[in-house]
Protein backbone atom coordinates (compact mmCIF):
# COMPACT_ATOMS: atom_id res chain seq x y z
CA MET A 1 0.00 0.00 0.00
CA HIS A 2 1.22 3.48 -0.80
CA GLU A 3 1.11 5.49 2.39
CA ARG A 4 2.44 8.78 1.03
CA ARG A 5 -0.55 10.45 -0.54
CA PHE A 6 -0.80 14.18 -0.99
CA ASN A 7 -4.54 14.68 -0.74
CA GLY A 8 -5.53 18.29 -1.26
CA GLU A 9 -1.94 19.54 -1.31
CA VAL A 10 -1.50 20.48 -4.95
CA GLU A 11 -0.70 24.09 -4.04
CA ARG A 12 2.11 22.99 -1.74
CA LEU A 13 3.52 20.58 -4.30
CA ARG A 14 3.52 23.33 -6.93
CA ALA A 15 4.75 26.17 -4.75
CA PRO A 16 7.23 28.34 -6.68
CA GLN A 17 9.98 27.70 -4.12
CA ARG A 18 9.57 23.94 -4.46
CA LEU A 19 9.50 24.08 -8.24
CA ALA A 20 12.72 26.11 -8.22
CA LEU A 21 14.41 23.48 -6.04
CA LEU A 22 13.25 20.68 -8.34
CA GLU A 23 14.88 22.37 -11.36
CA VAL A 24 12.18 20.87 -13.56
CA ASP A 25 13.37 22.32 -16.87
CA ARG A 26 16.97 21.30 -16.21
CA VAL A 27 15.95 17.74 -15.27
CA VAL A 28 13.76 17.36 -18.36
CA ASP A 29 16.47 18.80 -20.61
CA LEU A 30 18.97 16.29 -19.20
CA CYS A 31 16.52 13.42 -19.78
CA LEU A 32 16.14 14.41 -23.41
CA LYS A 33 19.78 15.19 -24.07
CA SER A 34 21.23 13.21 -26.96
CA ILE A 35 18.15 11.06 -27.54
CA LYS A 36 15.18 11.19 -29.84
CA ALA A 37 12.14 10.48 -27.73
CA LYS A 38 8.46 10.89 -28.42
CA ASN A 39 6.67 8.98 -25.64
CA VAL A 40 7.31 9.37 -21.93
CA LEU A 41 5.82 7.59 -18.94
CA ASP A 42 5.85 9.64 -15.74
CA VAL A 43 5.60 7.13 -12.89
CA GLY A 44 4.32 8.67 -9.65
CA THR A 45 3.19 11.71 -11.60
CA GLY A 46 1.50 13.40 -8.64
CA SER A 47 0.20 16.79 -9.75
CA GLY A 48 1.95 16.38 -13.11
CA ILE A 49 4.90 18.70 -12.58
CA PHE A 50 7.23 16.74 -14.83
CA ALA A 51 4.45 15.50 -17.13
CA GLU A 52 3.61 19.13 -17.84
CA ALA A 53 7.24 19.95 -18.64
CA PHE A 54 7.63 16.97 -20.99
CA SER A 55 4.31 17.85 -22.65
CA LYS A 56 5.44 21.43 -23.26
CA ARG A 57 8.35 19.98 -25.23
CA GLY A 58 5.93 18.24 -27.59
CA MET A 59 6.15 14.79 -26.07
CA ASN A 60 3.29 12.33 -25.69
CA VAL A 61 2.94 12.00 -21.94
CA THR A 62 1.32 9.28 -19.87
CA GLY A 63 1.33 9.57 -16.10
CA ILE A 64 0.47 6.98 -13.49
CA ASP A 65 -0.16 7.56 -9.81
CA PRO A 66 -2.05 5.67 -7.10
CA ASN A 67 -3.90 8.83 -6.00
CA PRO A 68 -6.97 9.74 -8.12
CA GLU A 69 -7.03 13.32 -6.77
CA MET A 70 -3.49 13.88 -8.00
CA LEU A 71 -4.41 12.48 -11.42
CA LYS A 72 -7.19 15.07 -11.71
CA ALA A 73 -4.69 17.83 -10.90
CA ALA A 74 -2.15 16.44 -13.37
CA LYS A 75 -4.77 16.48 -16.13
CA GLU A 76 -5.44 20.17 -15.41
CA PHE A 77 -1.75 21.06 -15.82
CA ALA A 78 -1.06 18.73 -18.77
CA PRO A 79 -4.45 18.48 -20.50
CA VAL A 80 -3.16 16.59 -23.55
CA GLY A 81 -1.60 13.90 -21.34
CA THR A 82 -3.09 10.55 -20.44
CA PHE A 83 -3.29 9.84 -16.71
CA LEU A 84 -4.04 6.45 -15.19
CA GLN A 85 -4.31 5.10 -11.69
CA GLY A 86 -1.49 2.69 -10.97
CA THR A 87 1.77 2.05 -9.16
CA VAL A 88 5.38 1.48 -10.11
CA GLU A 89 5.01 -2.14 -8.99
CA GLU A 90 2.11 -2.75 -11.37
CA ILE A 91 2.33 -0.42 -14.35
CA PRO A 92 -0.98 -0.83 -16.22
CA LEU A 93 0.57 -0.52 -19.70
CA ASP A 94 2.27 -2.65 -22.33
CA ASP A 95 6.02 -3.19 -22.27
CA LYS A 96 8.08 -1.18 -24.76
CA SER A 97 5.38 1.51 -25.09
CA PHE A 98 7.66 4.38 -24.09
CA ASP A 99 10.98 5.90 -25.04
CA ILE A 100 11.52 7.28 -21.52
CA ILE A 101 10.24 6.06 -18.17
CA PHE A 102 10.65 8.89 -15.68
CA LEU A 103 10.51 8.23 -11.93
CA GLY A 104 11.01 11.63 -10.35
CA HIS A 105 9.22 11.18 -7.06
CA CYS A 106 8.87 7.49 -6.37
CA PRO A 107 9.96 6.58 -2.83
CA ALA A 108 12.48 3.79 -2.53
């Protein structure tokens, strides 16, 4: 069971100070450096911070998260993305469907 759920905390997750610390654009640029990618899976997408950034770069984005409230928020920030309820242990998608699998906020 996934105990870390951020119910009703989208504003905190997307606070400007937090986003600055995450260096979202830098991280996404590094992920895309020297590769040609079209499809990205954002595992543990939360409010879609990284899904939004990948989407803004023209990528097809799919996000999974166990929390349905976070999936609703992610869809607001990355409206062209596909967001599904799921976990890293049981990804509800076919193998080899993505060029990049991004795990930015999955606890170990």
